[in-house]
Amino acid sequence: IEHMSSGLTDLLKTGFSMFMKVNRPHPGDHPLLIIFMVGGVSVS
């Protein structure tokens, strides 16, 4: 699962990650999780 950078803050973090260890954001850190299933999803 890859984090896609967006916005100025993420762009700066990506730039600084070349020089120092910067942790990428974890998808579970956010209070809202959006999952889109291409091809369909069942109720179960």
PDB file of all heavy atoms in Angstrom:
ATOM      1  N   ILE A   1       0.873  -1.179   0.000  1.00  0.00           N
ATOM      2  CA  ILE A   1       0.000   0.000   0.000  1.00  0.00           C
ATOM      3  C   ILE A   1       0.906   1.223   0.000  1.00  0.00           C
ATOM      4  O   ILE A   1       1.714   1.401   0.906  1.00  0.00           O
ATOM      5  CB  ILE A   1      -0.924   0.027   1.238  1.00  0.00           C
ATOM      6  CG1 ILE A   1      -1.782  -1.233   1.280  1.00  0.00           C
ATOM      7  CG2 ILE A   1      -1.789   1.269   1.232  1.00  0.00           C
ATOM      8  CD1 ILE A   1      -2.580  -1.392   2.555  1.00  0.00           C
ATOM      9  N   GLU A   2       0.771   2.050  -1.027  1.00  0.00           N
ATOM     10  CA  GLU A   2       1.642   3.209  -1.141  1.00  0.00           C
ATOM     11  C   GLU A   2       0.894   4.482  -0.794  1.00  0.00           C
ATOM     12  O   GLU A   2      -0.281   4.626  -1.103  1.00  0.00           O
ATOM     13  CB  GLU A   2       2.178   3.327  -2.571  1.00  0.00           C
ATOM     14  CG  GLU A   2       3.140   2.221  -2.931  1.00  0.00           C
ATOM     15  CD  GLU A   2       3.756   2.434  -4.290  1.00  0.00           C
ATOM     16  OE1 GLU A   2       3.819   3.594  -4.741  1.00  0.00           O
ATOM     17  OE2 GLU A   2       4.154   1.444  -4.899  1.00  0.00           O
ATOM     18  N   HIS A   3       1.612   5.386  -0.158  1.00  0.00           N
ATOM     19  CA  HIS A   3       1.055   6.695   0.138  1.00  0.00           C
ATOM     20  C   HIS A   3       1.330   7.615  -1.041  1.00  0.00           C
ATOM     21  O   HIS A   3       2.462   7.711  -1.514  1.00  0.00           O
ATOM     22  CB  HIS A   3       1.687   7.277   1.405  1.00  0.00           C
ATOM     23  CG  HIS A   3       1.268   8.691   1.665  1.00  0.00           C
ATOM     24  ND1 HIS A   3       0.006   9.006   2.112  1.00  0.00           N
ATOM     25  CD2 HIS A   3       1.926   9.856   1.520  1.00  0.00           C
ATOM     26  CE1 HIS A   3      -0.086  10.323   2.238  1.00  0.00           C
ATOM     27  NE2 HIS A   3       1.068  10.852   1.886  1.00  0.00           N
ATOM     28  N   MET A   4       0.308   8.258  -1.538  1.00  0.00           N
ATOM     29  CA  MET A   4       0.465   9.202  -2.639  1.00  0.00           C
ATOM     30  C   MET A   4       0.550  10.610  -2.047  1.00  0.00           C
ATOM     31  O   MET A   4      -0.371  11.061  -1.374  1.00  0.00           O
ATOM     32  CB  MET A   4      -0.732   9.116  -3.599  1.00  0.00           C
ATOM     33  CG  MET A   4      -0.937   7.722  -4.180  1.00  0.00           C
ATOM     34  SD  MET A   4       0.469   7.091  -5.070  1.00  0.00           S
ATOM     35  CE  MET A   4       0.423   8.096  -6.516  1.00  0.00           C
ATOM     36  N   SER A   5       1.655  11.282  -2.283  1.00  0.00           N
ATOM     37  CA  SER A   5       1.859  12.616  -1.726  1.00  0.00           C
ATOM     38  C   SER A   5       0.941  13.623  -2.388  1.00  0.00           C
ATOM     39  O   SER A   5       0.720  13.590  -3.593  1.00  0.00           O
ATOM     40  CB  SER A   5       3.308  13.057  -1.954  1.00  0.00           C
ATOM     41  OG  SER A   5       4.187  12.204  -1.297  1.00  0.00           O
ATOM     42  N   SER A   6       0.431  14.522  -1.545  1.00  0.00           N
ATOM     43  CA  SER A   6      -0.384  15.618  -2.071  1.00  0.00           C
ATOM     44  C   SER A   6      -0.239  16.804  -1.128  1.00  0.00           C
ATOM     45  O   SER A   6      -0.101  16.649   0.069  1.00  0.00           O
ATOM     46  CB  SER A   6      -1.857  15.194  -2.173  1.00  0.00           C
ATOM     47  OG  SER A   6      -2.368  14.932  -0.887  1.00  0.00           O
ATOM     48  N   GLY A   7      -0.258  17.958  -1.679  1.00  0.00           N
ATOM     49  CA  GLY A   7      -0.139  19.158  -0.865  1.00  0.00           C
ATOM     50  C   GLY A   7       1.307  19.532  -0.603  1.00  0.00           C
ATOM     51  O   GLY A   7       2.237  18.752  -0.815  1.00  0.00           O
ATOM     52  N   LEU A   8       1.501  20.738  -0.103  1.00  0.00           N
ATOM     53  CA  LEU A   8       2.834  21.279   0.127  1.00  0.00           C
ATOM     54  C   LEU A   8       3.563  20.542   1.241  1.00  0.00           C
ATOM     55  O   LEU A   8       4.755  20.246   1.128  1.00  0.00           O
ATOM     56  CB  LEU A   8       2.743  22.777   0.452  1.00  0.00           C
ATOM     57  CG  LEU A   8       4.069  23.493   0.666  1.00  0.00           C
ATOM     58  CD1 LEU A   8       4.916  23.393  -0.594  1.00  0.00           C
ATOM     59  CD2 LEU A   8       3.838  24.936   1.034  1.00  0.00           C
ATOM     60  N   THR A   9       2.859  20.190   2.326  1.00  0.00           N
ATOM     61  CA  THR A   9       3.501  19.502   3.448  1.00  0.00           C
ATOM     62  C   THR A   9       4.060  18.164   3.013  1.00  0.00           C
ATOM     63  O   THR A   9       5.201  17.819   3.327  1.00  0.00           O
ATOM     64  CB  THR A   9       2.486  19.294   4.588  1.00  0.00           C
ATOM     65  OG1 THR A   9       1.922  20.561   4.935  1.00  0.00           O
ATOM     66  CG2 THR A   9       3.150  18.685   5.807  1.00  0.00           C
ATOM     67  N   ASP A  10       3.255  17.382   2.269  1.00  0.00           N
ATOM     68  CA  ASP A  10       3.730  16.084   1.801  1.00  0.00           C
ATOM     69  C   ASP A  10       4.872  16.236   0.803  1.00  0.00           C
ATOM     70  O   ASP A  10       5.786  15.416   0.770  1.00  0.00           O
ATOM     71  CB  ASP A  10       2.588  15.282   1.170  1.00  0.00           C
ATOM     72  CG  ASP A  10       1.617  14.747   2.201  1.00  0.00           C
ATOM     73  OD1 ASP A  10       2.029  14.614   3.374  1.00  0.00           O
ATOM     74  OD2 ASP A  10       0.463  14.480   1.847  1.00  0.00           O
ATOM     75  N   LEU A  11       4.817  17.271  -0.016  1.00  0.00           N
ATOM     76  CA  LEU A  11       5.889  17.507  -0.976  1.00  0.00           C
ATOM     77  C   LEU A  11       7.202  17.814  -0.253  1.00  0.00           C
ATOM     78  O   LEU A  11       8.263  17.319  -0.626  1.00  0.00           O
ATOM     79  CB  LEU A  11       5.508  18.661  -1.907  1.00  0.00           C
ATOM     80  CG  LEU A  11       6.476  18.972  -3.036  1.00  0.00           C
ATOM     81  CD1 LEU A  11       6.600  17.773  -3.967  1.00  0.00           C
ATOM     82  CD2 LEU A  11       6.008  20.186  -3.816  1.00  0.00           C
ATOM     83  N   LEU A  12       7.141  18.622   0.819  1.00  0.00           N
ATOM     84  CA  LEU A  12       8.339  18.927   1.602  1.00  0.00           C
ATOM     85  C   LEU A  12       8.880  17.673   2.291  1.00  0.00           C
ATOM     86  O   LEU A  12      10.090  17.448   2.327  1.00  0.00           O
ATOM     87  CB  LEU A  12       8.044  20.011   2.627  1.00  0.00           C
ATOM     88  CG  LEU A  12       7.810  21.410   2.049  1.00  0.00           C
ATOM     89  CD1 LEU A  12       7.362  22.365   3.137  1.00  0.00           C
ATOM     90  CD2 LEU A  12       9.062  21.914   1.366  1.00  0.00           C
ATOM     91  N   LYS A  13       7.969  16.837   2.839  1.00  0.00           N
ATOM     92  CA  LYS A  13       8.401  15.595   3.484  1.00  0.00           C
ATOM     93  C   LYS A  13       9.102  14.693   2.481  1.00  0.00           C
ATOM     94  O   LYS A  13      10.111  14.064   2.791  1.00  0.00           O
ATOM     95  CB  LYS A  13       7.214  14.853   4.086  1.00  0.00           C
ATOM     96  CG  LYS A  13       6.715  15.430   5.374  1.00  0.00           C
ATOM     97  CD  LYS A  13       5.580  14.570   5.902  1.00  0.00           C
ATOM     98  CE  LYS A  13       4.967  15.165   7.146  1.00  0.00           C
ATOM     99  NZ  LYS A  13       3.830  14.365   7.622  1.00  0.00           N
ATOM    100  N   THR A  14       8.560  14.613   1.262  1.00  0.00           N
ATOM    101  CA  THR A  14       9.167  13.787   0.231  1.00  0.00           C
ATOM    102  C   THR A  14      10.557  14.310  -0.119  1.00  0.00           C
ATOM    103  O   THR A  14      11.500  13.544  -0.275  1.00  0.00           O
ATOM    104  CB  THR A  14       8.279  13.753  -1.030  1.00  0.00           C
ATOM    105  OG1 THR A  14       6.989  13.292  -0.673  1.00  0.00           O
ATOM    106  CG2 THR A  14       8.860  12.848  -2.083  1.00  0.00           C
ATOM    107  N   GLY A  15      10.704  15.623  -0.208  1.00  0.00           N
ATOM    108  CA  GLY A  15      12.006  16.215  -0.513  1.00  0.00           C
ATOM    109  C   GLY A  15      13.017  15.976   0.589  1.00  0.00           C
ATOM    110  O   GLY A  15      14.173  15.634   0.327  1.00  0.00           O
ATOM    111  N   PHE A  16      12.589  16.122   1.861  1.00  0.00           N
ATOM    112  CA  PHE A  16      13.501  15.911   2.976  1.00  0.00           C
ATOM    113  C   PHE A  16      13.839  14.446   3.164  1.00  0.00           C
ATOM    114  O   PHE A  16      14.864  14.110   3.750  1.00  0.00           O
ATOM    115  CB  PHE A  16      12.917  16.469   4.282  1.00  0.00           C
ATOM    116  CG  PHE A  16      13.024  17.963   4.385  1.00  0.00           C
ATOM    117  CD1 PHE A  16      11.888  18.742   4.530  1.00  0.00           C
ATOM    118  CD2 PHE A  16      14.261  18.589   4.322  1.00  0.00           C
ATOM    119  CE1 PHE A  16      11.986  20.120   4.621  1.00  0.00           C
ATOM    120  CE2 PHE A  16      14.370  19.965   4.412  1.00  0.00           C
ATOM    121  CZ  PHE A  16      13.227  20.735   4.565  1.00  0.00           C
ATOM    122  N   SER A  17      12.982  13.543   2.660  1.00  0.00           N
ATOM    123  CA  SER A  17      13.251  12.114   2.842  1.00  0.00           C
ATOM    124  C   SER A  17      14.505  11.676   2.093  1.00  0.00           C
ATOM    125  O   SER A  17      15.058  10.626   2.375  1.00  0.00           O
ATOM    126  CB  SER A  17      12.056  11.275   2.399  1.00  0.00           C
ATOM    127  OG  SER A  17      11.888  11.355   1.000  1.00  0.00           O
ATOM    128  N   MET A  18      14.976  12.492   1.135  1.00  0.00           N
ATOM    129  CA  MET A  18      16.220  12.160   0.441  1.00  0.00           C
ATOM    130  C   MET A  18      17.418  12.339   1.357  1.00  0.00           C
ATOM    131  O   MET A  18      18.437  11.689   1.186  1.00  0.00           O
ATOM    132  CB  MET A  18      16.384  13.050  -0.793  1.00  0.00           C
ATOM    133  CG  MET A  18      15.407  12.758  -1.893  1.00  0.00           C
ATOM    134  SD  MET A  18      15.787  13.785  -3.305  1.00  0.00           S
ATOM    135  CE  MET A  18      14.196  14.485  -3.642  1.00  0.00           C
ATOM    136  N   PHE A  19      17.300  13.220   2.352  1.00  0.00           N
ATOM    137  CA  PHE A  19      18.423  13.534   3.222  1.00  0.00           C
ATOM    138  C   PHE A  19      18.321  12.901   4.602  1.00  0.00           C
ATOM    139  O   PHE A  19      19.303  12.709   5.275  1.00  0.00           O
ATOM    140  CB  PHE A  19      18.541  15.052   3.393  1.00  0.00           C
ATOM    141  CG  PHE A  19      18.640  15.765   2.082  1.00  0.00           C
ATOM    142  CD1 PHE A  19      17.587  16.544   1.624  1.00  0.00           C
ATOM    143  CD2 PHE A  19      19.778  15.658   1.297  1.00  0.00           C
ATOM    144  CE1 PHE A  19      17.667  17.211   0.415  1.00  0.00           C
ATOM    145  CE2 PHE A  19      19.873  16.322   0.090  1.00  0.00           C
ATOM    146  CZ  PHE A  19      18.808  17.102  -0.361  1.00  0.00           C
ATOM    147  N   MET A  20      17.108  12.600   5.055  1.00  0.00           N
ATOM    148  CA  MET A  20      16.933  12.025   6.386  1.00  0.00           C
ATOM    149  C   MET A  20      15.753  11.061   6.385  1.00  0.00           C
ATOM    150  O   MET A  20      14.953  11.044   5.468  1.00  0.00           O
ATOM    151  CB  MET A  20      16.700  13.136   7.417  1.00  0.00           C
ATOM    152  CG  MET A  20      15.445  13.953   7.165  1.00  0.00           C
ATOM    153  SD  MET A  20      15.142  15.229   8.354  1.00  0.00           S
ATOM    154  CE  MET A  20      16.455  16.345   8.057  1.00  0.00           C
ATOM    155  N   LYS A  21      15.672  10.267   7.425  1.00  0.00           N
ATOM    156  CA  LYS A  21      14.612   9.259   7.544  1.00  0.00           C
ATOM    157  C   LYS A  21      13.310   9.961   7.926  1.00  0.00           C
ATOM    158  O   LYS A  21      13.178  10.526   9.000  1.00  0.00           O
ATOM    159  CB  LYS A  21      15.006   8.241   8.621  1.00  0.00           C
ATOM    160  CG  LYS A  21      13.950   7.231   8.931  1.00  0.00           C
ATOM    161  CD  LYS A  21      13.959   6.107   7.927  1.00  0.00           C
ATOM    162  CE  LYS A  21      13.039   4.999   8.395  1.00  0.00           C
ATOM    163  NZ  LYS A  21      12.043   4.636   7.482  1.00  0.00           N
ATOM    164  N   VAL A  22      12.344   9.922   7.022  1.00  0.00           N
ATOM    165  CA  VAL A  22      11.023  10.501   7.267  1.00  0.00           C
ATOM    166  C   VAL A  22      10.006   9.395   7.062  1.00  0.00           C
ATOM    167  O   VAL A  22      10.003   8.740   6.018  1.00  0.00           O
ATOM    168  CB  VAL A  22      10.731  11.676   6.297  1.00  0.00           C
ATOM    169  CG1 VAL A  22       9.329  12.210   6.494  1.00  0.00           C
ATOM    170  CG2 VAL A  22      11.754  12.780   6.487  1.00  0.00           C
ATOM    171  N   ASN A  23       9.183   9.163   8.070  1.00  0.00           N
ATOM    172  CA  ASN A  23       8.165   8.123   7.953  1.00  0.00           C
ATOM    173  C   ASN A  23       7.019   8.598   7.077  1.00  0.00           C
ATOM    174  O   ASN A  23       6.542   9.728   7.217  1.00  0.00           O
ATOM    175  CB  ASN A  23       7.614   7.749   9.325  1.00  0.00           C
ATOM    176  CG  ASN A  23       8.626   7.019  10.160  1.00  0.00           C
ATOM    177  OD1 ASN A  23       9.547   6.415   9.628  1.00  0.00           O
ATOM    178  ND2 ASN A  23       8.463   7.082  11.466  1.00  0.00           N
ATOM    179  N   ARG A  24       6.625   7.697   6.181  1.00  0.00           N
ATOM    180  CA  ARG A  24       5.450   8.003   5.373  1.00  0.00           C
ATOM    181  C   ARG A  24       4.209   7.858   6.246  1.00  0.00           C
ATOM    182  O   ARG A  24       4.194   7.047   7.172  1.00  0.00           O
ATOM    183  CB  ARG A  24       5.347   7.031   4.201  1.00  0.00           C
ATOM    184  CG  ARG A  24       6.460   7.157   3.204  1.00  0.00           C
ATOM    185  CD  ARG A  24       6.254   6.220   2.053  1.00  0.00           C
ATOM    186  NE  ARG A  24       6.146   4.837   2.544  1.00  0.00           N
ATOM    187  CZ  ARG A  24       5.885   3.808   1.780  1.00  0.00           C
ATOM    188  NH1 ARG A  24       5.680   3.956   0.494  1.00  0.00           N
ATOM    189  NH2 ARG A  24       5.824   2.590   2.278  1.00  0.00           N
ATOM    190  N   PRO A  25       3.156   8.598   5.944  1.00  0.00           N
ATOM    191  CA  PRO A  25       1.926   8.437   6.720  1.00  0.00           C
ATOM    192  C   PRO A  25       1.353   7.032   6.532  1.00  0.00           C
ATOM    193  O   PRO A  25       1.428   6.462   5.450  1.00  0.00           O
ATOM    194  CB  PRO A  25       0.981   9.472   6.114  1.00  0.00           C
ATOM    195  CG  PRO A  25       1.853  10.429   5.375  1.00  0.00           C
ATOM    196  CD  PRO A  25       3.071   9.676   4.974  1.00  0.00           C
ATOM    197  N   HIS A  26       0.831   6.464   7.587  1.00  0.00           N
ATOM    198  CA  HIS A  26       0.204   5.140   7.549  1.00  0.00           C
ATOM    199  C   HIS A  26      -1.278   5.339   7.228  1.00  0.00           C
ATOM    200  O   HIS A  26      -1.905   6.258   7.750  1.00  0.00           O
ATOM    201  CB  HIS A  26       0.379   4.453   8.899  1.00  0.00           C
ATOM    202  CG  HIS A  26       0.014   3.016   8.875  1.00  0.00           C
ATOM    203  ND1 HIS A  26      -1.281   2.589   8.953  1.00  0.00           N
ATOM    204  CD2 HIS A  26       0.774   1.902   8.765  1.00  0.00           C
ATOM    205  CE1 HIS A  26      -1.318   1.273   8.904  1.00  0.00           C
ATOM    206  NE2 HIS A  26      -0.075   0.834   8.791  1.00  0.00           N
ATOM    207  N   PRO A  27      -1.861   4.510   6.360  1.00  0.00           N
ATOM    208  CA  PRO A  27      -3.275   4.688   6.013  1.00  0.00           C
ATOM    209  C   PRO A  27      -4.200   4.603   7.219  1.00  0.00           C
ATOM    210  O   PRO A  27      -5.268   5.207   7.232  1.00  0.00           O
ATOM    211  CB  PRO A  27      -3.567   3.526   5.055  1.00  0.00           C
ATOM    212  CG  PRO A  27      -2.256   3.036   4.597  1.00  0.00           C
ATOM    213  CD  PRO A  27      -1.247   3.409   5.621  1.00  0.00           C
ATOM    214  N   GLY A  28      -3.788   3.910   8.263  1.00  0.00           N
ATOM    215  CA  GLY A  28      -4.627   3.780   9.455  1.00  0.00           C
ATOM    216  C   GLY A  28      -4.559   4.975  10.384  1.00  0.00           C
ATOM    217  O   GLY A  28      -5.262   5.008  11.396  1.00  0.00           O
ATOM    218  N   ASP A  29      -3.726   5.966  10.075  1.00  0.00           N
ATOM    219  CA  ASP A  29      -3.594   7.144  10.940  1.00  0.00           C
ATOM    220  C   ASP A  29      -4.777   8.090  10.828  1.00  0.00           C
ATOM    221  O   ASP A  29      -4.979   8.934  11.693  1.00  0.00           O
ATOM    222  CB  ASP A  29      -2.320   7.921  10.596  1.00  0.00           C
ATOM    223  CG  ASP A  29      -1.062   7.146  10.947  1.00  0.00           C
ATOM    224  OD1 ASP A  29      -1.175   6.182  11.736  1.00  0.00           O
ATOM    225  OD2 ASP A  29       0.010   7.480  10.424  1.00  0.00           O
ATOM    226  N   HIS A  30      -5.523   7.981   9.791  1.00  0.00           N
ATOM    227  CA  HIS A  30      -6.601   8.930   9.537  1.00  0.00           C
ATOM    228  C   HIS A  30      -7.912   8.449  10.153  1.00  0.00           C
ATOM    229  O   HIS A  30      -8.176   7.248  10.211  1.00  0.00           O
ATOM    230  CB  HIS A  30      -6.773   9.138   8.032  1.00  0.00           C
ATOM    231  CG  HIS A  30      -5.515   9.634   7.384  1.00  0.00           C
ATOM    232  ND1 HIS A  30      -5.100  10.943   7.488  1.00  0.00           N
ATOM    233  CD2 HIS A  30      -4.566   8.993   6.663  1.00  0.00           C
ATOM    234  CE1 HIS A  30      -3.958  11.092   6.848  1.00  0.00           C
ATOM    235  NE2 HIS A  30      -3.603   9.920   6.343  1.00  0.00           N
ATOM    236  N   PRO A  31      -8.752   9.368  10.612  1.00  0.00           N
ATOM    237  CA  PRO A  31     -10.022   8.973  11.235  1.00  0.00           C
ATOM    238  C   PRO A  31     -11.091   8.544  10.222  1.00  0.00           C
ATOM    239  O   PRO A  31     -12.147   8.060  10.610  1.00  0.00           O
ATOM    240  CB  PRO A  31     -10.467  10.232  11.972  1.00  0.00           C
ATOM    241  CG  PRO A  31      -9.812  11.350  11.235  1.00  0.00           C
ATOM    242  CD  PRO A  31      -8.521  10.805  10.694  1.00  0.00           C
ATOM    243  N   LEU A  32     -10.810   8.719   8.932  1.00  0.00           N
ATOM    244  CA  LEU A  32     -11.757   8.339   7.891  1.00  0.00           C
ATOM    245  C   LEU A  32     -11.054   7.416   6.906  1.00  0.00           C
ATOM    246  O   LEU A  32     -10.003   7.738   6.370  1.00  0.00           O
ATOM    247  CB  LEU A  32     -12.276   9.579   7.153  1.00  0.00           C
ATOM    248  CG  LEU A  32     -13.172   9.333   5.948  1.00  0.00           C
ATOM    249  CD1 LEU A  32     -14.478   8.667   6.368  1.00  0.00           C
ATOM    250  CD2 LEU A  32     -13.464  10.636   5.229  1.00  0.00           C
ATOM    251  N   LEU A  33     -11.652   6.242   6.681  1.00  0.00           N
ATOM    252  CA  LEU A  33     -11.106   5.272   5.742  1.00  0.00           C
ATOM    253  C   LEU A  33     -12.106   5.110   4.610  1.00  0.00           C
ATOM    254  O   LEU A  33     -13.263   4.758   4.840  1.00  0.00           O
ATOM    255  CB  LEU A  33     -10.882   3.925   6.442  1.00  0.00           C
ATOM    256  CG  LEU A  33     -10.424   2.757   5.588  1.00  0.00           C
ATOM    257  CD1 LEU A  33      -9.074   3.049   4.953  1.00  0.00           C
ATOM    258  CD2 LEU A  33     -10.361   1.493   6.433  1.00  0.00           C
ATOM    259  N   ILE A  34     -11.660   5.402   3.381  1.00  0.00           N
ATOM    260  CA  ILE A  34     -12.515   5.256   2.206  1.00  0.00           C
ATOM    261  C   ILE A  34     -11.947   4.130   1.364  1.00  0.00           C
ATOM    262  O   ILE A  34     -10.782   4.163   0.967  1.00  0.00           O
ATOM    263  CB  ILE A  34     -12.584   6.560   1.383  1.00  0.00           C
ATOM    264  CG1 ILE A  34     -13.144   7.694   2.239  1.00  0.00           C
ATOM    265  CG2 ILE A  34     -13.428   6.354   0.133  1.00  0.00           C
ATOM    266  CD1 ILE A  34     -13.088   9.051   1.577  1.00  0.00           C
ATOM    267  N   ILE A  35     -12.774   3.121   1.101  1.00  0.00           N
ATOM    268  CA  ILE A  35     -12.369   1.980   0.282  1.00  0.00           C
ATOM    269  C   ILE A  35     -13.275   1.951  -0.937  1.00  0.00           C
ATOM    270  O   ILE A  35     -14.502   1.968  -0.797  1.00  0.00           O
ATOM    271  CB  ILE A  35     -12.498   0.659   1.061  1.00  0.00           C
ATOM    272  CG1 ILE A  35     -11.573   0.677   2.268  1.00  0.00           C
ATOM    273  CG2 ILE A  35     -12.210  -0.531   0.163  1.00  0.00           C
ATOM    274  CD1 ILE A  35     -11.729  -0.522   3.176  1.00  0.00           C
ATOM    275  N   PHE A  36     -12.664   1.935  -2.123  1.00  0.00           N
ATOM    276  CA  PHE A  36     -13.441   1.827  -3.365  1.00  0.00           C
ATOM    277  C   PHE A  36     -13.075   0.516  -4.031  1.00  0.00           C
ATOM    278  O   PHE A  36     -11.917   0.277  -4.355  1.00  0.00           O
ATOM    279  CB  PHE A  36     -13.156   2.999  -4.309  1.00  0.00           C
ATOM    280  CG  PHE A  36     -14.054   2.978  -5.519  1.00  0.00           C
ATOM    281  CD1 PHE A  36     -15.308   3.549  -5.465  1.00  0.00           C
ATOM    282  CD2 PHE A  36     -13.649   2.350  -6.687  1.00  0.00           C
ATOM    283  CE1 PHE A  36     -16.150   3.513  -6.562  1.00  0.00           C
ATOM    284  CE2 PHE A  36     -14.480   2.306  -7.797  1.00  0.00           C
ATOM    285  CZ  PHE A  36     -15.737   2.888  -7.734  1.00  0.00           C
ATOM    286  N   MET A  37     -14.072  -0.320  -4.241  1.00  0.00           N
ATOM    287  CA  MET A  37     -13.862  -1.635  -4.861  1.00  0.00           C
ATOM    288  C   MET A  37     -14.293  -1.569  -6.320  1.00  0.00           C
ATOM    289  O   MET A  37     -15.477  -1.458  -6.613  1.00  0.00           O
ATOM    290  CB  MET A  37     -14.674  -2.708  -4.135  1.00  0.00           C
ATOM    291  CG  MET A  37     -14.247  -2.948  -2.711  1.00  0.00           C
ATOM    292  SD  MET A  37     -12.611  -3.674  -2.587  1.00  0.00           S
ATOM    293  CE  MET A  37     -12.896  -5.248  -3.338  1.00  0.00           C
ATOM    294  N   VAL A  38     -13.330  -1.648  -7.222  1.00  0.00           N
ATOM    295  CA  VAL A  38     -13.629  -1.684  -8.644  1.00  0.00           C
ATOM    296  C   VAL A  38     -14.109  -3.098  -8.978  1.00  0.00           C
ATOM    297  O   VAL A  38     -13.493  -4.072  -8.576  1.00  0.00           O
ATOM    298  CB  VAL A  38     -12.376  -1.341  -9.480  1.00  0.00           C
ATOM    299  CG1 VAL A  38     -12.652  -1.491 -10.959  1.00  0.00           C
ATOM    300  CG2 VAL A  38     -11.894   0.061  -9.154  1.00  0.00           C
ATOM    301  N   GLY A  39     -15.224  -3.191  -9.687  1.00  0.00           N
ATOM    302  CA  GLY A  39     -15.741  -4.490 -10.086  1.00  0.00           C
ATOM    303  C   GLY A  39     -16.832  -5.017  -9.196  1.00  0.00           C
ATOM    304  O   GLY A  39     -17.485  -5.985  -9.525  1.00  0.00           O
ATOM    305  N   GLY A  40     -17.037  -4.393  -8.060  1.00  0.00           N
ATOM    306  CA  GLY A  40     -18.152  -4.793  -7.223  1.00  0.00           C
ATOM    307  C   GLY A  40     -17.754  -5.249  -5.838  1.00  0.00           C
ATOM    308  O   GLY A  40     -16.626  -5.664  -5.595  1.00  0.00           O
ATOM    309  N   VAL A  41     -18.711  -5.157  -4.943  1.00  0.00           N
ATOM    310  CA  VAL A  41     -18.543  -5.592  -3.561  1.00  0.00           C
ATOM    311  C   VAL A  41     -19.866  -6.187  -3.106  1.00  0.00           C
ATOM    312  O   VAL A  41     -20.934  -5.741  -3.526  1.00  0.00           O
ATOM    313  CB  VAL A  41     -18.094  -4.423  -2.653  1.00  0.00           C
ATOM    314  CG1 VAL A  41     -19.166  -3.372  -2.505  1.00  0.00           C
ATOM    315  CG2 VAL A  41     -17.644  -4.906  -1.301  1.00  0.00           C
ATOM    316  N   SER A  42     -19.785  -7.215  -2.278  1.00  0.00           N
ATOM    317  CA  SER A  42     -21.007  -7.835  -1.766  1.00  0.00           C
ATOM    318  C   SER A  42     -21.345  -7.248  -0.400  1.00  0.00           C
ATOM    319  O   SER A  42     -20.502  -6.637   0.265  1.00  0.00           O
ATOM    320  CB  SER A  42     -20.831  -9.347  -1.665  1.00  0.00           C
ATOM    321  OG  SER A  42     -19.898  -9.664  -0.657  1.00  0.00           O
ATOM    322  N   VAL A  43     -22.574  -7.468   0.032  1.00  0.00           N
ATOM    323  CA  VAL A  43     -23.020  -6.971   1.333  1.00  0.00           C
ATOM    324  C   VAL A  43     -22.196  -7.623   2.444  1.00  0.00           C
ATOM    325  O   VAL A  43     -21.819  -6.954   3.419  1.00  0.00           O
ATOM    326  CB  VAL A  43     -24.533  -7.241   1.528  1.00  0.00           C
ATOM    327  CG1 VAL A  43     -24.975  -6.890   2.930  1.00  0.00           C
ATOM    328  CG2 VAL A  43     -25.341  -6.466   0.503  1.00  0.00           C
ATOM    329  N   SER A  44     -21.875  -8.897   2.307  1.00  0.00           N
ATOM    330  CA  SER A  44     -21.085  -9.579   3.338  1.00  0.00           C
ATOM    331  C   SER A  44     -19.667  -9.001   3.429  1.00  0.00           C
ATOM    332  O   SER A  44     -19.094  -8.929   4.518  1.00  0.00           O
ATOM    333  CB  SER A  44     -21.042 -11.084   3.086  1.00  0.00           C
ATOM    334  OG  SER A  44     -20.430 -11.367   1.860  1.00  0.00           O
TER     335      SER A  44
END
